[in-house]
């Protein structure tokens, strides 16, 4: 595994830590390289309110910008219950509890390898 893997993993870990800083729950860092053709790692987490979802997203953006990485694409708004931040090799998904359960995202990507899980 070369430098790109480590850089992507470090970026994903930084995103997971930033989510934790804003008290996101059920944080999951998945290695999806074997099951996904558009990304290497997913960071999936849950926020309990629109305000918290927005705060988690802002913290992740700010943290990764400090590391010299800008979001390539962003989808969703906090009031929709789902937000996506695409950093290329790392994609961050921030869900409300209801949306995470509804889309069964963890089940959808169950073949990914868990790297970190923070309840």
Protein backbone atom coordinates (compact mmCIF):
# COMPACT_ATOMS: atom_id res chain seq x y z
CA UNK A 1 0.00 0.00 0.00
CA UNK A 2 1.50 3.24 -1.13
CA UNK A 3 1.42 6.84 -0.03
CA UNK A 4 -1.94 7.63 -1.63
CA UNK A 5 -3.62 4.99 0.55
CA UNK A 6 -2.07 6.48 3.69
CA UNK A 7 -2.96 10.03 2.67
CA UNK A 8 -6.55 9.03 1.95
CA UNK A 9 -6.79 7.07 5.18
CA UNK A 10 -5.31 9.98 7.14
CA UNK A 11 -7.84 12.31 5.52
CA UNK A 12 -10.70 9.94 6.38
CA UNK A 13 -9.46 9.65 9.97
CA UNK A 14 -9.29 13.46 10.24
CA UNK A 15 -12.89 13.69 9.00
CA UNK A 16 -14.02 11.08 11.53
CA UNK A 17 -12.22 12.91 14.35
CA UNK A 18 -13.79 16.23 13.27
CA UNK A 19 -17.23 14.60 13.37
CA UNK A 20 -16.46 13.28 16.85
CA UNK A 21 -15.47 16.80 17.96
CA UNK A 22 -19.03 17.90 17.19
CA UNK A 23 -20.51 14.92 19.06
CA UNK A 24 -21.62 13.00 15.98
CA UNK A 25 -22.80 9.52 16.91
CA UNK A 26 -22.29 6.10 15.34
CA UNK A 27 -19.23 7.23 13.38
CA UNK A 28 -18.07 4.60 10.92
CA UNK A 29 -14.97 4.79 8.75
CA UNK A 30 -15.23 2.17 6.00
CA UNK A 31 -12.58 1.01 3.58
CA UNK A 32 -14.64 0.56 0.40
CA UNK A 33 -11.80 0.09 -2.10
CA UNK A 34 -12.82 -3.51 -2.85
CA UNK A 35 -16.53 -2.73 -3.34
CA UNK A 36 -16.66 0.79 -4.76
CA UNK A 37 -15.24 2.23 -7.99
CA UNK A 38 -15.52 5.93 -7.14
CA UNK A 39 -13.99 6.24 -3.67
CA UNK A 40 -11.64 4.51 -1.25
CA UNK A 41 -13.14 5.44 2.12
CA UNK A 42 -16.53 6.44 3.45
CA UNK A 43 -17.02 8.28 6.71
CA UNK A 44 -20.60 7.81 7.88
CA UNK A 45 -21.99 9.53 10.94
CA UNK A 46 -25.21 10.70 12.57
CA UNK A 47 -26.29 14.03 14.01
CA UNK A 48 -29.41 14.51 16.11
CA UNK A 49 -30.63 17.86 14.75
CA UNK A 50 -30.40 20.12 11.71
CA UNK A 51 -28.10 22.36 13.69
CA UNK A 52 -25.81 19.51 14.66
CA UNK A 53 -25.71 18.14 11.09
CA UNK A 54 -24.64 21.58 9.85
CA UNK A 55 -22.03 21.92 12.65
CA UNK A 56 -20.56 18.48 11.84
CA UNK A 57 -20.30 19.35 8.15
CA UNK A 58 -18.70 22.72 8.85
CA UNK A 59 -16.18 21.18 11.26
CA UNK A 60 -15.18 18.53 8.74
CA UNK A 61 -14.81 21.12 5.97
CA UNK A 62 -12.75 23.42 8.19
CA UNK A 63 -10.53 20.59 9.47
CA UNK A 64 -9.78 19.23 6.01
CA UNK A 65 -9.19 22.71 4.58
CA UNK A 66 -6.51 23.18 7.25
CA UNK A 67 -4.91 20.03 5.81
CA UNK A 68 -4.99 21.61 2.36
CA UNK A 69 -7.96 19.66 1.03
CA UNK A 70 -11.12 21.27 -0.30
CA UNK A 71 -14.45 19.58 -0.88
CA UNK A 72 -14.93 18.66 -4.56
CA UNK A 73 -18.70 18.36 -4.37
CA UNK A 74 -21.33 18.82 -1.68
CA UNK A 75 -24.93 17.61 -1.72
CA UNK A 76 -27.84 17.85 0.65
CA UNK A 77 -28.74 20.33 3.34
CA UNK A 78 -29.01 19.86 7.08
CA UNK A 79 -32.81 20.13 6.97
CA UNK A 80 -33.00 17.20 4.51
CA UNK A 81 -31.41 14.84 7.06
CA UNK A 82 -28.53 13.90 4.78
CA UNK A 83 -25.41 15.73 3.68
CA UNK A 84 -22.59 14.46 1.47
CA UNK A 85 -19.07 15.88 1.20
CA UNK A 86 -17.04 14.41 -1.66
CA UNK A 87 -13.27 14.64 -1.32
CA UNK A 88 -12.54 12.14 -4.09
CA UNK A 89 -10.96 9.19 -2.31
CA UNK A 90 -12.96 10.06 0.81
CA UNK A 91 -16.72 10.62 0.85
CA UNK A 92 -18.39 11.83 4.05
CA UNK A 93 -22.07 11.08 4.70
CA UNK A 94 -23.80 12.88 7.56
CA UNK A 95 -27.28 11.57 8.38
CA UNK A 96 -30.11 12.27 10.76
CA UNK A 97 -31.04 9.07 12.66
CA UNK A 98 -34.26 8.66 10.62
CA UNK A 99 -32.52 9.08 7.24
CA UNK A 100 -29.69 6.72 8.15
CA UNK A 101 -32.18 4.07 9.15
CA UNK A 102 -34.43 4.73 6.14
CA UNK A 103 -31.65 4.39 3.56
CA UNK A 104 -30.01 1.46 5.39
CA UNK A 105 -26.68 2.91 4.32
CA UNK A 106 -24.62 0.73 6.64
CA UNK A 107 -26.31 -2.38 5.21
CA UNK A 108 -25.86 -1.15 1.63
CA UNK A 109 -22.08 -0.92 2.11
CA UNK A 110 -21.72 -3.87 4.53
CA UNK A 111 -19.01 -5.43 2.34
CA UNK A 112 -16.75 -2.50 3.12
CA UNK A 113 -14.12 -3.11 5.79
CA UNK A 114 -14.64 -1.16 9.03
CA UNK A 115 -11.51 0.78 9.97
CA UNK A 116 -12.95 2.80 12.87
CA UNK A 117 -16.31 2.67 14.63
CA UNK A 118 -17.11 5.20 17.33
CA UNK A 119 -20.46 4.67 19.00
